[in-house]
Amino acid sequence: MTWRAEPGSWTAVVFNATGARGVDARISAQAEVPALRPLSTGLLIGGSLMALLGLAMMLVAAVTAGQSRRNGTTTSVR
């Protein structure tokens, strides 16, 4: 069964035509959310950019630490 839903509150009721106990039903529902695709795309791009920024920061820290060791300078953390 397929129909276009109207705004409001919905309830699905499943029963035997005879009113007997024991009902076995497989029910599925689907919804279309037009704003979900642009939102998920934006979050995916933003997350990827943050991951790249984190990687760049780790690389800069590793290179800087390597240069400090070669120059014989160390930085103490307090």
N, C-alpha and C. Protein backbone atom coordinates (compact mmCIF):
# COMPACT_ATOMS: atom_id res chain seq x y z
N MET A 1 0.85 -1.15 0.00
CA MET A 1 0.00 0.00 0.00
C MET A 1 0.90 1.23 0.00
N THR A 2 0.62 2.18 -0.85
CA THR A 2 1.40 3.42 -0.92
C THR A 2 0.43 4.60 -1.00
N TRP A 3 0.71 5.63 -0.22
CA TRP A 3 -0.10 6.84 -0.29
C TRP A 3 0.74 8.03 0.11
N ARG A 4 0.32 9.19 -0.31
CA ARG A 4 1.01 10.42 0.04
C ARG A 4 0.45 10.89 1.37
N ALA A 5 1.33 11.00 2.35
CA ALA A 5 0.91 11.34 3.72
C ALA A 5 0.62 12.83 3.85
N GLU A 6 -0.31 13.13 4.68
CA GLU A 6 -0.65 14.50 5.04
C GLU A 6 0.04 14.82 6.36
N PRO A 7 0.29 16.07 6.66
CA PRO A 7 0.89 16.42 7.96
C PRO A 7 0.00 15.98 9.11
N GLY A 8 0.63 15.57 10.20
CA GLY A 8 -0.15 15.16 11.37
C GLY A 8 0.49 13.98 12.07
N SER A 9 -0.29 13.34 12.92
CA SER A 9 0.17 12.19 13.70
C SER A 9 -0.41 10.92 13.08
N TRP A 10 0.43 9.89 12.94
CA TRP A 10 -0.01 8.67 12.27
C TRP A 10 0.19 7.46 13.17
N THR A 11 -0.69 6.48 13.04
CA THR A 11 -0.59 5.22 13.77
C THR A 11 -0.94 4.09 12.81
N ALA A 12 -0.11 3.03 12.83
CA ALA A 12 -0.40 1.85 12.01
C ALA A 12 -1.02 0.78 12.90
N VAL A 13 -2.12 0.21 12.45
CA VAL A 13 -2.81 -0.83 13.22
C VAL A 13 -2.89 -2.08 12.34
N VAL A 14 -2.47 -3.23 12.89
CA VAL A 14 -2.50 -4.49 12.16
C VAL A 14 -3.31 -5.48 12.98
N PHE A 15 -4.26 -6.14 12.35
CA PHE A 15 -5.07 -7.12 13.06
C PHE A 15 -5.57 -8.18 12.09
N ASN A 16 -6.00 -9.31 12.67
CA ASN A 16 -6.61 -10.37 11.87
C ASN A 16 -8.04 -9.96 11.54
N ALA A 17 -8.50 -10.35 10.36
CA ALA A 17 -9.87 -10.03 9.95
C ALA A 17 -10.89 -10.68 10.87
N THR A 18 -10.51 -11.81 11.47
CA THR A 18 -11.44 -12.52 12.36
C THR A 18 -11.35 -12.01 13.79
N GLY A 19 -10.37 -11.20 14.10
CA GLY A 19 -10.20 -10.71 15.46
C GLY A 19 -9.41 -11.67 16.33
N ALA A 20 -8.91 -12.76 15.75
CA ALA A 20 -8.13 -13.75 16.52
C ALA A 20 -6.77 -13.18 16.91
N ARG A 21 -6.23 -13.75 18.01
CA ARG A 21 -4.92 -13.31 18.47
C ARG A 21 -3.82 -13.84 17.56
N GLY A 22 -2.64 -13.26 17.72
CA GLY A 22 -1.47 -13.72 16.98
C GLY A 22 -1.40 -13.14 15.57
N VAL A 23 -0.72 -12.06 15.44
CA VAL A 23 -0.59 -11.41 14.14
C VAL A 23 0.89 -11.38 13.77
N ASP A 24 1.21 -11.78 12.56
CA ASP A 24 2.57 -11.72 12.05
C ASP A 24 2.56 -10.72 10.90
N ALA A 25 3.29 -9.63 11.08
CA ALA A 25 3.28 -8.58 10.06
C ALA A 25 4.69 -8.09 9.82
N ARG A 26 4.98 -7.77 8.60
CA ARG A 26 6.25 -7.15 8.23
C ARG A 26 5.90 -5.79 7.64
N ILE A 27 6.30 -4.77 8.36
CA ILE A 27 5.94 -3.40 7.99
C ILE A 27 7.21 -2.60 7.73
N SER A 28 7.20 -1.79 6.71
CA SER A 28 8.32 -0.89 6.45
C SER A 28 7.76 0.50 6.13
N ALA A 29 8.57 1.48 6.40
CA ALA A 29 8.16 2.86 6.14
C ALA A 29 9.31 3.59 5.45
N GLN A 30 8.97 4.56 4.69
CA GLN A 30 9.96 5.33 3.95
C GLN A 30 9.55 6.79 3.97
N ALA A 31 10.54 7.67 4.09
CA ALA A 31 10.26 9.11 4.07
C ALA A 31 11.28 9.80 3.17
N GLU A 32 10.85 10.82 2.51
CA GLU A 32 11.74 11.63 1.69
C GLU A 32 11.99 12.94 2.42
N VAL A 33 13.27 13.25 2.63
CA VAL A 33 13.66 14.48 3.30
C VAL A 33 14.57 15.24 2.32
N PRO A 34 14.02 16.19 1.59
CA PRO A 34 14.80 16.87 0.56
C PRO A 34 16.06 17.58 1.08
N ALA A 35 16.02 18.10 2.29
CA ALA A 35 17.17 18.85 2.81
C ALA A 35 18.29 17.94 3.30
N LEU A 36 18.05 16.63 3.37
CA LEU A 36 19.05 15.72 3.92
C LEU A 36 20.27 15.57 3.01
N ARG A 37 20.09 15.52 1.72
CA ARG A 37 21.22 15.34 0.80
C ARG A 37 22.20 16.52 0.88
N PRO A 38 21.77 17.78 0.77
CA PRO A 38 22.74 18.87 0.88
C PRO A 38 23.39 18.94 2.27
N LEU A 39 22.62 18.62 3.30
CA LEU A 39 23.18 18.63 4.65
C LEU A 39 24.26 17.57 4.80
N SER A 40 23.98 16.35 4.36
CA SER A 40 24.97 15.28 4.48
C SER A 40 26.20 15.56 3.62
N THR A 41 26.00 16.12 2.44
CA THR A 41 27.14 16.47 1.59
C THR A 41 28.01 17.53 2.25
N GLY A 42 27.39 18.55 2.83
CA GLY A 42 28.14 19.59 3.52
C GLY A 42 28.91 19.06 4.72
N LEU A 43 28.28 18.16 5.49
CA LEU A 43 28.96 17.57 6.64
C LEU A 43 30.13 16.69 6.20
N LEU A 44 29.95 15.96 5.11
CA LEU A 44 31.02 15.11 4.61
C LEU A 44 32.20 15.95 4.13
N ILE A 45 31.94 17.01 3.40
CA ILE A 45 33.01 17.89 2.93
C ILE A 45 33.70 18.58 4.11
N GLY A 46 32.91 19.08 5.06
CA GLY A 46 33.49 19.73 6.24
C GLY A 46 34.35 18.78 7.05
N GLY A 47 33.89 17.55 7.25
CA GLY A 47 34.66 16.56 7.98
C GLY A 47 35.95 16.20 7.27
N SER A 48 35.89 16.11 5.95
CA SER A 48 37.09 15.81 5.16
C SER A 48 38.10 16.94 5.28
N LEU A 49 37.63 18.17 5.22
CA LEU A 49 38.53 19.32 5.37
C LEU A 49 39.17 19.35 6.75
N MET A 50 38.40 19.03 7.78
CA MET A 50 38.95 19.00 9.14
C MET A 50 40.00 17.90 9.27
N ALA A 51 39.78 16.74 8.65
CA ALA A 51 40.75 15.65 8.68
C ALA A 51 42.04 16.06 7.97
N LEU A 52 41.91 16.73 6.83
CA LEU A 52 43.10 17.20 6.12
C LEU A 52 43.85 18.25 6.92
N LEU A 53 43.13 19.14 7.59
CA LEU A 53 43.77 20.14 8.44
C LEU A 53 44.53 19.47 9.59
N GLY A 54 43.93 18.47 10.21
CA GLY A 54 44.59 17.74 11.29
C GLY A 54 45.84 17.04 10.79
N LEU A 55 45.77 16.42 9.61
CA LEU A 55 46.93 15.76 9.03
C LEU A 55 48.04 16.76 8.75
N ALA A 56 47.69 17.92 8.20
CA ALA A 56 48.69 18.96 7.93
C ALA A 56 49.35 19.43 9.22
N MET A 57 48.57 19.59 10.28
CA MET A 57 49.14 20.03 11.56
C MET A 57 50.10 18.98 12.13
N MET A 58 49.76 17.70 11.99
CA MET A 58 50.66 16.64 12.47
C MET A 58 51.95 16.60 11.65
N LEU A 59 51.84 16.80 10.34
CA LEU A 59 53.04 16.82 9.50
C LEU A 59 53.95 17.99 9.85
N VAL A 60 53.38 19.16 10.07
CA VAL A 60 54.16 20.34 10.45
C VAL A 60 54.86 20.08 11.79
N ALA A 61 54.16 19.49 12.74
CA ALA A 61 54.76 19.19 14.04
C ALA A 61 55.90 18.18 13.90
N ALA A 62 55.72 17.16 13.06
CA ALA A 62 56.77 16.15 12.87
C ALA A 62 57.99 16.74 12.20
N VAL A 63 57.79 17.57 11.18
CA VAL A 63 58.91 18.20 10.49
C VAL A 63 59.65 19.15 11.43
N THR A 64 58.91 19.93 12.20
CA THR A 64 59.51 20.87 13.14
C THR A 64 60.31 20.13 14.21
N ALA A 65 59.79 19.02 14.70
CA ALA A 65 60.50 18.23 15.70
C ALA A 65 61.77 17.64 15.11
N GLY A 66 61.72 17.18 13.87
CA GLY A 66 62.90 16.63 13.21
C GLY A 66 63.98 17.69 13.02
N GLN A 67 63.59 18.89 12.65
CA GLN A 67 64.56 19.98 12.47
C GLN A 67 65.18 20.38 13.81
N SER A 68 64.39 20.36 14.87
CA SER A 68 64.91 20.71 16.19
C SER A 68 65.96 19.70 16.63
N ARG A 69 65.76 18.44 16.36
CA ARG A 69 66.74 17.40 16.74
C ARG A 69 68.03 17.55 15.95
N ARG A 70 67.93 17.87 14.67
CA ARG A 70 69.12 18.02 13.85
C ARG A 70 69.92 19.24 14.28
N ASN A 71 69.24 20.30 14.72
CA ASN A 71 69.91 21.54 15.14
C ASN A 71 70.43 21.44 16.57
N GLY A 72 70.02 20.40 17.29
CA GLY A 72 70.45 20.24 18.66
C GLY A 72 69.65 21.04 19.66
N THR A 73 68.55 21.60 19.24
CA THR A 73 67.71 22.36 20.18
C THR A 73 66.54 21.49 20.61
N THR A 74 66.18 21.62 21.85
CA THR A 74 65.02 20.88 22.34
C THR A 74 64.07 21.84 23.03
N THR A 75 62.85 21.46 23.09
CA THR A 75 61.84 22.25 23.75
C THR A 75 61.30 21.42 24.89
N SER A 76 61.32 21.98 26.09
CA SER A 76 60.79 21.24 27.22
C SER A 76 59.34 21.62 27.44
N VAL A 77 58.58 20.66 27.85
CA VAL A 77 57.16 20.89 28.14
C VAL A 77 56.99 20.91 29.64
N ARG A 78 56.39 21.94 30.15
CA ARG A 78 56.20 22.06 31.61
C ARG A 78 54.77 21.86 31.96
